Protein backbone atom coordinates (compact mmCIF):
# COMPACT_ATOMS: atom_id res chain seq x y z
CA MET A 1 0.04 0.01 -0.02
CA GLN A 2 2.98 2.24 0.65
CA ARG A 3 3.72 2.27 -3.25
CA LEU A 4 0.10 3.41 -4.00
CA PHE A 5 0.45 6.31 -1.54
CA ALA A 6 3.90 7.26 -2.85
CA SER A 7 2.30 7.33 -6.40
CA MET A 8 -0.58 9.43 -5.16
CA ALA A 9 1.96 11.85 -3.49
CA PHE A 10 3.83 11.98 -6.91
CA ALA A 11 0.48 12.85 -8.72
CA LEU A 12 -0.32 15.46 -6.18
CA LEU A 13 3.17 17.03 -6.30
CA THR A 14 3.17 17.29 -10.03
CA VAL A 15 -0.23 18.93 -10.18
CA THR A 16 0.27 21.33 -7.39
CA GLY A 17 3.77 22.03 -8.88
CA PHE A 18 1.98 23.29 -12.04
CA ALA A 19 -0.49 25.46 -10.14
CA SER A 20 0.40 29.09 -10.13
CA THR A 21 0.54 29.40 -6.30
CA ALA A 22 1.82 26.70 -3.83
CA SER A 23 -1.43 27.06 -1.93
CA ALA A 24 -3.63 26.31 -4.88
CA GLU A 25 -5.89 23.41 -3.88
CA LYS A 26 -8.49 23.67 -6.81
CA ILE A 27 -7.52 24.00 -10.40
CA ASP A 28 -10.27 24.73 -12.88
CA LEU A 29 -8.97 22.74 -15.84
CA SER A 30 -11.38 24.45 -18.19
CA THR A 31 -9.20 27.61 -17.58
CA VAL A 32 -5.74 26.02 -18.17
CA SER A 33 -4.49 27.71 -21.43
CA CYS A 34 -2.19 26.50 -24.12
CA SER A 35 0.23 29.23 -23.22
CA GLN A 36 0.45 27.76 -19.76
CA LEU A 37 1.17 24.32 -21.27
CA ILE A 38 3.91 25.75 -23.59
CA GLN A 39 5.35 27.64 -20.68
CA SER A 40 5.47 24.56 -18.55
CA VAL A 41 7.03 22.42 -21.29
CA GLU A 42 9.71 25.10 -22.24
CA SER A 43 10.52 26.07 -18.67
CA GLY A 44 13.07 23.29 -18.29
CA SER A 45 11.60 22.43 -14.83
CA GLU A 46 10.89 18.83 -14.46
CA LYS A 47 8.34 19.75 -11.75
CA ASP A 48 6.38 21.91 -14.29
CA LYS A 49 6.66 19.30 -17.13
CA SER A 50 5.32 16.48 -14.62
CA GLY A 51 2.63 18.89 -13.48
CA MET A 52 1.31 19.46 -16.91
CA GLY A 53 1.75 15.75 -17.70
CA GLY A 54 -0.56 14.96 -14.77
CA ILE A 55 -3.17 17.51 -16.04
CA LEU A 56 -2.99 15.95 -19.50
CA TYR A 57 -3.56 12.42 -18.01
CA TRP A 58 -6.49 13.84 -16.14
CA ILE A 59 -7.87 15.26 -19.35
CA ALA A 60 -7.29 11.95 -21.05
CA GLY A 61 -9.38 10.15 -18.48
CA PHE A 62 -12.07 12.86 -18.64
CA THR A 63 -12.37 12.56 -22.41
CA VAL A 64 -12.37 8.89 -22.78
CA THR A 65 -15.38 7.30 -24.61
CA ASP A 66 -17.38 4.40 -23.57
CA GLU A 67 -16.14 2.37 -26.44
CA GLN A 68 -12.60 2.96 -25.29
CA GLY A 69 -13.36 2.04 -21.72
CA ALA A 70 -11.01 2.16 -18.91
CA VAL A 71 -7.90 1.45 -20.89
CA ILE A 72 -4.73 3.49 -20.85
CA ASP A 73 -1.96 3.43 -23.56
CA PHE A 74 1.03 5.39 -22.54
CA GLY A 75 2.48 5.23 -26.07
CA GLY A 76 -0.66 6.37 -27.66
CA LEU A 77 -1.28 9.08 -25.19
CA SER A 78 2.33 10.35 -25.67
CA LYS A 79 1.66 10.79 -29.37
CA ASP A 80 -1.63 12.56 -28.62
CA PHE A 81 -0.01 14.84 -26.17
CA ASP A 82 2.68 15.82 -28.78
CA LYS A 83 -0.10 16.72 -31.13
CA ILE A 84 -1.80 18.89 -28.31
CA LEU A 85 1.49 20.53 -27.72
CA ALA A 86 1.95 21.33 -31.42
CA ALA A 87 -1.60 22.66 -31.70
CA CYS A 88 -1.28 24.73 -28.61
CA LYS A 89 1.92 26.41 -30.07
CA GLU A 90 -0.23 27.63 -32.96
CA GLN A 91 -3.08 28.64 -30.66
CA PRO A 92 -1.63 29.95 -27.35
CA LYS A 93 -4.79 31.70 -26.12
CA VAL A 94 -7.02 28.61 -26.57
CA GLY A 95 -7.76 26.43 -23.57
CA VAL A 96 -5.89 23.08 -23.26
CA LEU A 97 -9.19 21.24 -22.73
CA THR A 98 -10.49 22.62 -25.98
CA VAL A 99 -7.49 21.64 -27.99
CA ALA A 100 -7.21 18.30 -26.21
CA SER A 101 -10.72 17.36 -27.33
CA LYS A 102 -9.46 17.43 -30.97
CA PHE A 103 -6.87 14.61 -30.16
CA LEU A 104 -8.37 12.66 -27.27
CA GLY A 105 -11.51 10.83 -26.63
CA ALA A 106 -13.07 9.68 -29.85
CA ASN A 107 -10.05 11.31 -31.75
CA ALA A 108 -7.41 9.52 -29.62
CA THR A 109 -4.72 7.27 -31.18
CA PRO A 110 -6.17 3.75 -31.19
CA HIS A 111 -4.95 1.57 -28.30
CA GLY A 112 -1.71 -0.49 -29.16
CA LYS A 113 -0.63 -3.86 -27.89
CA ASP A 114 0.93 -2.33 -24.79
CA ALA A 115 -2.40 -0.69 -23.56
CA VAL A 116 -3.36 -1.48 -19.92
CA ASP A 117 -6.91 -2.22 -19.17
CA LEU A 118 -7.47 -0.74 -15.81
CA ALA A 119 -10.36 -3.08 -15.14
CA THR A 120 -8.00 -5.86 -15.03
CA LEU A 121 -5.17 -4.02 -13.17
CA THR A 122 -5.85 -5.44 -9.63
CA CYS A 123 -5.36 -3.54 -6.39
CA GLU A 124 -2.74 -6.02 -5.52
CA ALA A 125 -0.71 -5.15 -8.66
CA ALA A 126 -1.08 -1.51 -7.90
CA VAL A 127 -0.07 -1.87 -4.28
CA LYS A 128 2.94 -3.93 -5.13
CA SER A 129 4.21 -1.90 -7.98
CA SER A 130 7.90 -1.17 -8.08
CA GLN A 131 9.57 2.13 -7.38
CA GLU A 132 10.34 2.40 -11.12
CA GLU A 133 6.57 2.24 -11.75
CA GLU A 134 5.72 5.07 -9.30
CA GLU A 135 5.52 7.74 -11.91
CA GLY A 136 3.36 5.56 -14.24
CA LEU A 137 1.03 4.64 -11.45
CA GLY A 138 0.73 8.38 -10.41
CA TYR A 139 -0.30 9.23 -14.00
CA ILE A 140 -2.73 6.27 -13.83
CA LEU A 141 -4.24 7.81 -10.66
CA MET A 142 -4.56 11.18 -12.40
CA TRP A 143 -6.31 9.47 -15.38
CA ILE A 144 -8.65 7.71 -13.01
CA ALA A 145 -9.57 10.94 -11.30
CA GLY A 146 -10.45 12.50 -14.69
CA TYR A 147 -12.33 9.35 -15.72
CA GLN A 148 -14.56 9.47 -12.58
CA ALA A 149 -14.98 13.32 -12.92
CA SER A 150 -16.37 12.83 -16.42
CA ASP A 151 -19.59 11.24 -15.05
CA SER A 152 -20.50 14.56 -13.40
CA GLY A 153 -18.78 16.77 -16.01
CA ASN A 154 -16.94 18.42 -13.10
CA LYS A 155 -13.79 20.08 -14.57
CA ILE A 156 -12.38 21.16 -11.10
CA PHE A 157 -9.39 19.11 -9.93
CA ASP A 158 -9.47 19.50 -6.09
CA THR A 159 -6.16 18.24 -4.46
CA ASP A 160 -7.76 17.69 -1.04
CA THR A 161 -10.61 15.46 -2.60
CA PHE A 162 -8.08 13.65 -4.67
CA GLU A 163 -5.88 12.98 -1.72
CA ALA A 164 -8.83 11.75 0.36
CA ASP A 165 -10.09 9.54 -2.49
CA MET A 166 -6.79 7.95 -3.05
CA HIS A 167 -6.26 7.22 0.55
CA LYS A 168 -9.62 5.56 0.62
CA ILE A 169 -8.83 3.64 -2.53
CA GLY A 170 -5.54 2.52 -1.01
CA GLU A 171 -7.32 1.29 2.17
CA TYR A 172 -9.97 -0.46 0.11
CA CYS A 173 -7.27 -2.05 -2.09
CA GLY A 174 -5.48 -3.21 1.05
CA THR A 175 -8.43 -5.26 2.07
CA ASN A 176 -9.64 -6.21 -1.50
CA PRO A 177 -6.40 -7.09 -3.42
CA ALA A 178 -8.03 -9.04 -6.14
CA VAL A 179 -10.46 -6.24 -6.99
CA GLY A 180 -9.61 -4.17 -10.21
CA LEU A 181 -8.25 -0.61 -9.63
CA ILE A 182 -11.13 0.88 -11.63
CA THR A 183 -13.72 -1.12 -9.61
CA ALA A 184 -12.04 0.28 -6.45
CA SER A 185 -12.31 3.84 -7.71
CA ASP A 186 -15.91 3.33 -8.66
CA GLU A 187 -16.60 2.11 -5.20
CA ILE A 188 -14.86 5.02 -3.48
CA MET A 189 -15.46 7.92 -5.94
CA GLY A 190 -19.02 6.75 -6.73
CA GLU A 191 -19.80 6.98 -3.00
CA ASP A 192 -18.41 10.55 -2.99
CA ASP A 193 -20.56 11.48 -5.91
CA GLU A 194 -23.72 10.12 -4.17
CA SER A 195 -23.02 11.84 -0.94
CA SER A 196 -22.57 15.19 -2.55
CA GLU A 197 -25.99 15.07 -4.29
């Protein structure tokens, strides 16, 4: 479970590293501009690049279609993110979410042979992931947060809610190792959605 929490911490640090102030706890992803993406990538700061990477993974999860399901393909997403960056350089005043919709969701690169079906990625596998896999798992957690947010259409990334949800998922996974990571997120984040209505 320690690895899952370390990955969650990585995801939180990347996104809060991107935020304009250290105290930013809520990021309205509909207001993140292409110029911010370009600035983060060109800054040379790995923290900024990782932060924007976390945001792009959240957007990828948010825009996924029912046909694509809970499948993440790091290679395909890398190509799509490059296309988003190129388009953003041409349109710096446009929102990243607007540009991303042209290259993600129904327009995303088809899943390749190395795609990971998060419905089959068990809690046990996530909890026992290696330190080398920590960054990838952090991005998966960001993708899951976007995926879950798409049900309500909520474009606000709240670091406190994310942290609380990931701790609950970690605890749930600790007692339900054979359950899929997506099923665990449905259990935890679905409960949050119901309690907030």
